[in-house]
């Protein structure tokens, strides 16, 4: 059995100053990894609704939950079905199904629970948009 780690040991092993310095940086700064910047920008585009004139925090939260469930239902206790997840979130199953379907199409990924979905297809963008 391993010995417990003292709280002050946990605090000293992390480079807090670098974190604080990085939090104050401009994301477009040349020293940042361009792939990470692109990833974060794309993630925000996925999670925030297209028209951000009025943000609905609940809707953004549901989109985060939907994305996490698409990546792996095991992120949630008991690996819930979409029906159980919707019930936990207090929304109709149709709302959660629409959000998880949208997330799946946007990232081109389905989890095992979605393999039977009859309405899943890759998001096809019109050339006229």
C-alpha atoms as a PDB file:
ATOM      1  CA  UNK A   1       0.000   0.000   0.000  1.00  0.00           C
ATOM      2  CA  UNK A   2       1.412   3.410  -0.902  1.00  0.00           C
ATOM      3  CA  UNK A   3       1.881   6.131   1.661  1.00  0.00           C
ATOM      4  CA  UNK A   4      -0.380   9.188   1.465  1.00  0.00           C
ATOM      5  CA  UNK A   5       1.130  12.232  -0.212  1.00  0.00           C
ATOM      6  CA  UNK A   6       1.264  15.407   1.842  1.00  0.00           C
ATOM      7  CA  UNK A   7      -0.886  18.259   0.492  1.00  0.00           C
ATOM      8  CA  UNK A   8       2.122  20.611   0.208  1.00  0.00           C
ATOM      9  CA  UNK A   9       3.925  18.047  -1.983  1.00  0.00           C
ATOM     10  CA  UNK A  10       1.035  18.059  -4.430  1.00  0.00           C
ATOM     11  CA  UNK A  11       1.131  21.833  -4.690  1.00  0.00           C
ATOM     12  CA  UNK A  12       4.872  22.147  -5.282  1.00  0.00           C
ATOM     13  CA  UNK A  13       5.093  19.632  -8.130  1.00  0.00           C
ATOM     14  CA  UNK A  14       2.975  21.723 -10.486  1.00  0.00           C
ATOM     15  CA  UNK A  15       4.415  24.740 -12.322  1.00  0.00           C
ATOM     16  CA  UNK A  16       1.762  27.229 -11.229  1.00  0.00           C
ATOM     17  CA  UNK A  17       3.650  30.291 -12.424  1.00  0.00           C
ATOM     18  CA  UNK A  18       3.796  29.031 -16.005  1.00  0.00           C
ATOM     19  CA  UNK A  19       0.066  28.336 -15.884  1.00  0.00           C
ATOM     20  CA  UNK A  20      -0.651  31.860 -14.641  1.00  0.00           C
ATOM     21  CA  UNK A  21       1.621  33.302 -17.329  1.00  0.00           C
ATOM     22  CA  UNK A  22      -0.103  31.285 -20.062  1.00  0.00           C
ATOM     23  CA  UNK A  23      -3.580  32.264 -18.899  1.00  0.00           C
ATOM     24  CA  UNK A  24      -2.696  35.889 -19.575  1.00  0.00           C
ATOM     25  CA  UNK A  25      -1.424  35.242 -23.116  1.00  0.00           C
ATOM     26  CA  UNK A  26      -3.135  36.047 -26.357  1.00  0.00           C
ATOM     27  CA  UNK A  27      -4.244  32.781 -28.008  1.00  0.00           C
ATOM     28  CA  UNK A  28      -2.849  34.000 -31.333  1.00  0.00           C
ATOM     29  CA  UNK A  29       0.622  34.497 -29.897  1.00  0.00           C
ATOM     30  CA  UNK A  30       3.261  32.799 -32.024  1.00  0.00           C
ATOM     31  CA  UNK A  31       4.536  30.655 -29.144  1.00  0.00           C
ATOM     32  CA  UNK A  32       1.209  28.791 -28.916  1.00  0.00           C
ATOM     33  CA  UNK A  33       0.784  25.514 -30.762  1.00  0.00           C
ATOM     34  CA  UNK A  34      -1.314  26.376 -33.843  1.00  0.00           C
ATOM     35  CA  UNK A  35      -2.953  22.943 -33.755  1.00  0.00           C
ATOM     36  CA  UNK A  36      -4.121  23.555 -30.198  1.00  0.00           C
ATOM     37  CA  UNK A  37      -5.451  26.992 -31.121  1.00  0.00           C
ATOM     38  CA  UNK A  38      -7.310  25.460 -34.083  1.00  0.00           C
ATOM     39  CA  UNK A  39      -8.706  22.712 -31.843  1.00  0.00           C
ATOM     40  CA  UNK A  40      -9.987  25.151 -29.215  1.00  0.00           C
ATOM     41  CA  UNK A  41     -11.553  27.408 -31.855  1.00  0.00           C
ATOM     42  CA  UNK A  42     -13.273  24.431 -33.508  1.00  0.00           C
ATOM     43  CA  UNK A  43     -14.494  23.134 -30.137  1.00  0.00           C
ATOM     44  CA  UNK A  44     -16.037  26.510 -29.332  1.00  0.00           C
ATOM     45  CA  UNK A  45     -17.687  26.608 -32.765  1.00  0.00           C
ATOM     46  CA  UNK A  46     -19.248  23.218 -32.010  1.00  0.00           C
ATOM     47  CA  UNK A  47     -20.390  24.047 -28.490  1.00  0.00           C
ATOM     48  CA  UNK A  48     -21.679  27.566 -29.006  1.00  0.00           C
ATOM     49  CA  UNK A  49     -24.834  27.978 -31.079  1.00  0.00           C
ATOM     50  CA  UNK A  50     -24.477  29.577 -34.513  1.00  0.00           C
ATOM     51  CA  UNK A  51     -26.133  32.841 -33.494  1.00  0.00           C
ATOM     52  CA  UNK A  52     -24.594  34.056 -30.276  1.00  0.00           C
ATOM     53  CA  UNK A  53     -26.662  37.195 -29.948  1.00  0.00           C
ATOM     54  CA  UNK A  54     -28.279  35.722 -26.851  1.00  0.00           C
ATOM     55  CA  UNK A  55     -26.505  32.892 -25.069  1.00  0.00           C
ATOM     56  CA  UNK A  56     -28.481  30.236 -23.262  1.00  0.00           C
ATOM     57  CA  UNK A  57     -26.174  28.633 -20.693  1.00  0.00           C
ATOM     58  CA  UNK A  58     -28.447  25.590 -20.374  1.00  0.00           C
ATOM     59  CA  UNK A  59     -28.269  24.960 -24.121  1.00  0.00           C
ATOM     60  CA  UNK A  60     -24.470  25.256 -24.131  1.00  0.00           C
ATOM     61  CA  UNK A  61     -24.308  22.874 -21.166  1.00  0.00           C
ATOM     62  CA  UNK A  62     -26.540  20.362 -22.948  1.00  0.00           C
ATOM     63  CA  UNK A  63     -24.260  20.559 -25.996  1.00  0.00           C
ATOM     64  CA  UNK A  64     -21.238  19.790 -23.792  1.00  0.00           C
ATOM     65  CA  UNK A  65     -23.078  16.817 -22.267  1.00  0.00           C
ATOM     66  CA  UNK A  66     -24.159  15.604 -25.721  1.00  0.00           C
ATOM     67  CA  UNK A  67     -20.605  15.817 -27.061  1.00  0.00           C
ATOM     68  CA  UNK A  68     -19.221  13.963 -24.050  1.00  0.00           C
ATOM     69  CA  UNK A  69     -21.853  11.218 -24.416  1.00  0.00           C
ATOM     70  CA  UNK A  70     -21.077  10.821 -28.131  1.00  0.00           C
ATOM     71  CA  UNK A  71     -17.376  10.456 -27.358  1.00  0.00           C
ATOM     72  CA  UNK A  72     -18.067   7.916 -24.614  1.00  0.00           C
ATOM     73  CA  UNK A  73     -21.198   7.250 -22.559  1.00  0.00           C
ATOM     74  CA  UNK A  74     -18.804   5.940 -19.890  1.00  0.00           C
ATOM     75  CA  UNK A  75     -18.053   9.560 -18.923  1.00  0.00           C
ATOM     76  CA  UNK A  76     -21.306   9.329 -16.974  1.00  0.00           C
ATOM     77  CA  UNK A  77     -22.025   7.052 -14.017  1.00  0.00           C
ATOM     78  CA  UNK A  78     -23.635   3.833 -15.148  1.00  0.00           C
ATOM     79  CA  UNK A  79     -22.937   4.454 -18.856  1.00  0.00           C
ATOM     80  CA  UNK A  80     -26.485   5.703 -19.473  1.00  0.00           C
ATOM     81  CA  UNK A  81     -28.583   5.239 -22.573  1.00  0.00           C
ATOM     82  CA  UNK A  82     -29.730   8.368 -24.386  1.00  0.00           C
ATOM     83  CA  UNK A  83     -33.113   7.992 -22.659  1.00  0.00           C
ATOM     84  CA  UNK A  84     -31.473   7.848 -19.210  1.00  0.00           C
ATOM     85  CA  UNK A  85     -29.177  10.767 -20.042  1.00  0.00           C
ATOM     86  CA  UNK A  86     -32.126  12.904 -21.143  1.00  0.00           C
ATOM     87  CA  UNK A  87     -33.955  12.070 -17.908  1.00  0.00           C
ATOM     88  CA  UNK A  88     -30.899  13.063 -15.843  1.00  0.00           C
ATOM     89  CA  UNK A  89     -30.745  16.374 -17.697  1.00  0.00           C
ATOM     90  CA  UNK A  90     -34.470  16.966 -17.322  1.00  0.00           C
ATOM     91  CA  UNK A  91     -35.117  17.268 -21.057  1.00  0.00           C
ATOM     92  CA  UNK A  92     -37.219  15.212 -23.471  1.00  0.00           C
ATOM     93  CA  UNK A  93     -35.411  12.344 -25.165  1.00  0.00           C
ATOM     94  CA  UNK A  94     -36.012  14.047 -28.529  1.00  0.00           C
ATOM     95  CA  UNK A  95     -33.949  17.067 -27.428  1.00  0.00           C
ATOM     96  CA  UNK A  96     -31.003  14.932 -26.334  1.00  0.00           C
ATOM     97  CA  UNK A  97     -31.280  12.756 -29.438  1.00  0.00           C
ATOM     98  CA  UNK A  98     -31.171  15.826 -31.681  1.00  0.00           C
ATOM     99  CA  UNK A  99     -28.136  17.227 -29.858  1.00  0.00           C
ATOM    100  CA  UNK A 100     -26.182  13.957 -29.838  1.00  0.00           C
ATOM    101  CA  UNK A 101     -27.020  13.448 -33.512  1.00  0.00           C
ATOM    102  CA  UNK A 102     -25.763  16.929 -34.336  1.00  0.00           C
ATOM    103  CA  UNK A 103     -22.554  16.352 -32.367  1.00  0.00           C
ATOM    104  CA  UNK A 104     -22.031  13.006 -34.116  1.00  0.00           C
ATOM    105  CA  UNK A 105     -22.417  14.531 -37.558  1.00  0.00           C
ATOM    106  CA  UNK A 106     -20.162  17.479 -36.731  1.00  0.00           C
ATOM    107  CA  UNK A 107     -17.269  15.339 -35.537  1.00  0.00           C
ATOM    108  CA  UNK A 108     -17.970  12.287 -37.694  1.00  0.00           C
ATOM    109  CA  UNK A 109     -18.066   9.941 -34.705  1.00  0.00           C
ATOM    110  CA  UNK A 110     -20.622   7.549 -33.242  1.00  0.00           C
ATOM    111  CA  UNK A 111     -20.399   5.552 -30.057  1.00  0.00           C
ATOM    112  CA  UNK A 112     -21.587   1.954 -29.738  1.00  0.00           C
ATOM    113  CA  UNK A 113     -25.027   3.011 -28.519  1.00  0.00           C
ATOM    114  CA  UNK A 114     -25.547   5.022 -31.714  1.00  0.00           C
ATOM    115  CA  UNK A 115     -24.574   2.325 -34.206  1.00  0.00           C
ATOM    116  CA  UNK A 116     -28.210   1.454 -34.901  1.00  0.00           C
ATOM    117  CA  UNK A 117     -29.301   5.045 -35.574  1.00  0.00           C
ATOM    118  CA  UNK A 118     -31.177   5.067 -38.876  1.00  0.00           C
ATOM    119  CA  UNK A 119     -30.867   8.811 -39.371  1.00  0.00           C
ATOM    120  CA  UNK A 120     -27.107   9.187 -38.948  1.00  0.00           C
ATOM    121  CA  UNK A 121     -25.085  10.411 -41.859  1.00  0.00           C
ATOM    122  CA  UNK A 122     -22.056  12.564 -42.248  1.00  0.00           C
ATOM    123  CA  UNK A 123     -22.847  16.251 -42.371  1.00  0.00           C
ATOM    124  CA  UNK A 124     -22.841  17.253 -46.017  1.00  0.00           C
ATOM    125  CA  UNK A 125     -22.317  20.929 -46.679  1.00  0.00           C
ATOM    126  CA  UNK A 126     -24.009  22.457 -49.669  1.00  0.00           C
ATOM    127  CA  UNK A 127     -21.529  23.958 -52.163  1.00  0.00           C
ATOM    128  CA  UNK A 128     -23.821  26.993 -52.387  1.00  0.00           C
ATOM    129  CA  UNK A 129     -23.397  28.050 -48.745  1.00  0.00           C
END
